[in-house]
Each structure stands twice: as structure tokens, then as C-alpha cells.
């Protein structure tokens, strides 16, 4: 996809995180939930946007 504008990057992130969020188990303990969410979000980006080079980071 090459270099993309920050607004487009935010839109892609929102789309992926909403999809992953709908599938999450909200009964998991916070640390496990966050780690699982990050792993699943990273996998979803790689699957949906092959070659984008996106990565999931924790602040």
C-alpha cells in the first residue's frame, strides 16, 4: 500500500479493532485480555492487509 496518510491509517485501525473487539471474551482478566487483543489485532491486520507492514503496539 505504500505510505498512507494518518487519517487513512486511523480508519484501517478502527475497522480492524472493531472487528476483533466483537470476537473478544470480555470476561478475561485485564492483562490477558489486552495481550490477546493485541495478538488477534496483529493477526487480523496481517491477514486482511497483506504487505501493509502494520504492527500493533502497546502505549
N, C-alpha and C. Protein backbone atom coordinates (compact mmCIF):
# COMPACT_ATOMS: atom_id res chain seq x y z
N UNK A 1 0.82 -1.20 0.00
CA UNK A 1 0.00 0.00 0.00
C UNK A 1 0.86 1.26 0.00
N UNK A 2 2.13 1.12 0.33
CA UNK A 2 3.00 2.28 0.38
C UNK A 2 2.68 3.15 1.58
N UNK A 3 3.22 4.34 1.57
CA UNK A 3 2.98 5.27 2.66
C UNK A 3 1.55 5.78 2.56
N UNK A 4 0.83 5.74 3.70
CA UNK A 4 -0.55 6.22 3.69
C UNK A 4 -0.70 7.37 4.67
N UNK A 5 -1.71 8.15 4.44
CA UNK A 5 -1.98 9.32 5.26
C UNK A 5 -2.48 8.89 6.64
N UNK A 6 -2.19 9.67 7.68
CA UNK A 6 -2.56 9.29 9.05
C UNK A 6 -4.05 9.03 9.24
N UNK A 7 -4.91 9.79 8.55
CA UNK A 7 -6.34 9.57 8.67
C UNK A 7 -6.72 8.20 8.11
N UNK A 8 -6.14 7.84 6.99
CA UNK A 8 -6.42 6.51 6.40
C UNK A 8 -5.90 5.41 7.33
N UNK A 9 -4.75 5.60 7.93
CA UNK A 9 -4.21 4.62 8.88
C UNK A 9 -5.15 4.46 10.06
N UNK A 10 -5.70 5.57 10.56
CA UNK A 10 -6.65 5.51 11.67
C UNK A 10 -7.92 4.77 11.27
N UNK A 11 -8.38 5.00 10.04
CA UNK A 11 -9.58 4.31 9.56
C UNK A 11 -9.35 2.80 9.47
N UNK A 12 -8.19 2.39 8.96
CA UNK A 12 -7.88 0.96 8.87
C UNK A 12 -7.80 0.35 10.27
N UNK A 13 -7.18 1.09 11.19
CA UNK A 13 -7.05 0.60 12.57
C UNK A 13 -8.41 0.45 13.23
N UNK A 14 -9.26 1.44 13.03
CA UNK A 14 -10.61 1.38 13.62
C UNK A 14 -11.37 0.17 13.10
N UNK A 15 -11.31 -0.04 11.80
CA UNK A 15 -12.01 -1.16 11.17
C UNK A 15 -11.56 -2.50 11.77
N UNK A 16 -10.27 -2.69 11.86
CA UNK A 16 -9.73 -3.95 12.37
C UNK A 16 -10.04 -4.12 13.86
N UNK A 17 -9.81 -3.08 14.66
CA UNK A 17 -10.01 -3.22 16.11
C UNK A 17 -11.48 -3.44 16.45
N UNK A 18 -12.40 -2.85 15.69
CA UNK A 18 -13.82 -3.11 15.93
C UNK A 18 -14.17 -4.56 15.61
N UNK A 19 -13.64 -5.07 14.51
CA UNK A 19 -13.90 -6.47 14.15
C UNK A 19 -13.37 -7.42 15.22
N UNK A 20 -12.14 -7.19 15.65
CA UNK A 20 -11.53 -8.05 16.67
C UNK A 20 -12.28 -7.90 17.99
N UNK A 21 -12.64 -6.68 18.34
CA UNK A 21 -13.35 -6.43 19.59
C UNK A 21 -14.67 -7.18 19.69
N UNK A 22 -15.34 -7.35 18.58
CA UNK A 22 -16.61 -8.08 18.58
C UNK A 22 -16.43 -9.56 18.91
N UNK A 23 -15.24 -10.08 18.69
CA UNK A 23 -14.98 -11.51 18.91
C UNK A 23 -14.29 -11.80 20.25
N UNK A 24 -13.95 -10.76 20.99
CA UNK A 24 -13.19 -10.94 22.23
C UNK A 24 -14.06 -11.46 23.38
N UNK A 25 -13.41 -12.17 24.30
CA UNK A 25 -14.04 -12.63 25.53
C UNK A 25 -13.79 -11.58 26.60
N UNK A 26 -14.80 -10.81 26.92
CA UNK A 26 -14.65 -9.70 27.87
C UNK A 26 -14.62 -10.16 29.33
N UNK A 27 -14.66 -11.45 29.56
CA UNK A 27 -14.55 -12.00 30.91
C UNK A 27 -13.11 -12.36 31.28
N UNK A 28 -12.19 -12.20 30.34
CA UNK A 28 -10.78 -12.48 30.62
C UNK A 28 -10.22 -11.44 31.59
N UNK A 29 -9.24 -11.82 32.41
CA UNK A 29 -8.57 -10.83 33.26
C UNK A 29 -7.92 -9.76 32.38
N UNK A 30 -7.81 -8.50 32.89
CA UNK A 30 -7.32 -7.38 32.07
C UNK A 30 -6.01 -7.63 31.33
N UNK A 31 -4.99 -8.13 31.98
CA UNK A 31 -3.70 -8.35 31.31
C UNK A 31 -3.79 -9.37 30.20
N UNK A 32 -4.53 -10.44 30.45
CA UNK A 32 -4.70 -11.49 29.44
C UNK A 32 -5.55 -10.96 28.29
N UNK A 33 -6.58 -10.20 28.63
CA UNK A 33 -7.43 -9.61 27.59
C UNK A 33 -6.60 -8.72 26.67
N UNK A 34 -5.82 -7.83 27.25
CA UNK A 34 -5.03 -6.88 26.45
C UNK A 34 -4.04 -7.61 25.54
N UNK A 35 -3.35 -8.60 26.09
CA UNK A 35 -2.37 -9.36 25.31
C UNK A 35 -3.07 -10.09 24.16
N UNK A 36 -4.19 -10.73 24.47
CA UNK A 36 -4.95 -11.46 23.47
C UNK A 36 -5.48 -10.52 22.38
N UNK A 37 -5.98 -9.35 22.81
CA UNK A 37 -6.49 -8.36 21.85
C UNK A 37 -5.38 -7.91 20.90
N UNK A 38 -4.20 -7.64 21.44
CA UNK A 38 -3.07 -7.21 20.62
C UNK A 38 -2.66 -8.29 19.63
N UNK A 39 -2.58 -9.53 20.10
CA UNK A 39 -2.19 -10.65 19.22
C UNK A 39 -3.21 -10.84 18.10
N UNK A 40 -4.48 -10.82 18.46
CA UNK A 40 -5.53 -11.03 17.45
C UNK A 40 -5.62 -9.87 16.47
N UNK A 41 -5.41 -8.65 16.96
CA UNK A 41 -5.44 -7.48 16.09
C UNK A 41 -4.28 -7.53 15.10
N UNK A 42 -3.09 -7.88 15.58
CA UNK A 42 -1.93 -8.01 14.70
C UNK A 42 -2.18 -9.06 13.62
N UNK A 43 -2.74 -10.20 14.02
CA UNK A 43 -3.04 -11.26 13.06
C UNK A 43 -4.08 -10.80 12.03
N UNK A 44 -5.09 -10.06 12.48
CA UNK A 44 -6.13 -9.58 11.57
C UNK A 44 -5.56 -8.59 10.56
N UNK A 45 -4.67 -7.69 11.00
CA UNK A 45 -4.02 -6.76 10.07
C UNK A 45 -3.24 -7.53 9.02
N UNK A 46 -2.45 -8.50 9.44
CA UNK A 46 -1.62 -9.25 8.50
C UNK A 46 -2.47 -10.04 7.50
N UNK A 47 -3.60 -10.56 7.98
CA UNK A 47 -4.47 -11.34 7.11
C UNK A 47 -5.21 -10.45 6.12
N UNK A 48 -5.77 -9.36 6.61
CA UNK A 48 -6.61 -8.50 5.76
C UNK A 48 -5.80 -7.58 4.86
N UNK A 49 -4.68 -7.06 5.36
CA UNK A 49 -3.87 -6.10 4.60
C UNK A 49 -2.48 -6.64 4.38
N UNK A 50 -2.39 -7.69 3.58
CA UNK A 50 -1.10 -8.31 3.29
C UNK A 50 -0.14 -7.26 2.69
N UNK A 51 1.06 -7.23 3.20
CA UNK A 51 2.05 -6.31 2.67
C UNK A 51 2.00 -4.90 3.22
N UNK A 52 1.04 -4.61 4.10
CA UNK A 52 0.94 -3.26 4.66
C UNK A 52 2.09 -2.95 5.58
N UNK A 53 2.54 -3.94 6.32
CA UNK A 53 3.64 -3.71 7.24
C UNK A 53 3.20 -3.08 8.55
N UNK A 54 1.91 -3.14 8.86
CA UNK A 54 1.40 -2.57 10.11
C UNK A 54 1.84 -3.43 11.29
N UNK A 55 1.94 -2.79 12.43
CA UNK A 55 2.23 -3.55 13.66
C UNK A 55 1.40 -2.99 14.79
N UNK A 56 1.10 -3.86 15.73
CA UNK A 56 0.31 -3.47 16.89
C UNK A 56 1.27 -3.18 18.02
N UNK A 57 1.12 -2.03 18.65
CA UNK A 57 1.98 -1.66 19.77
C UNK A 57 1.14 -1.30 20.98
N UNK A 58 1.70 -1.48 22.14
CA UNK A 58 1.06 -1.04 23.38
C UNK A 58 1.71 0.26 23.78
N UNK A 59 0.90 1.22 24.20
CA UNK A 59 1.49 2.51 24.58
C UNK A 59 2.41 2.39 25.78
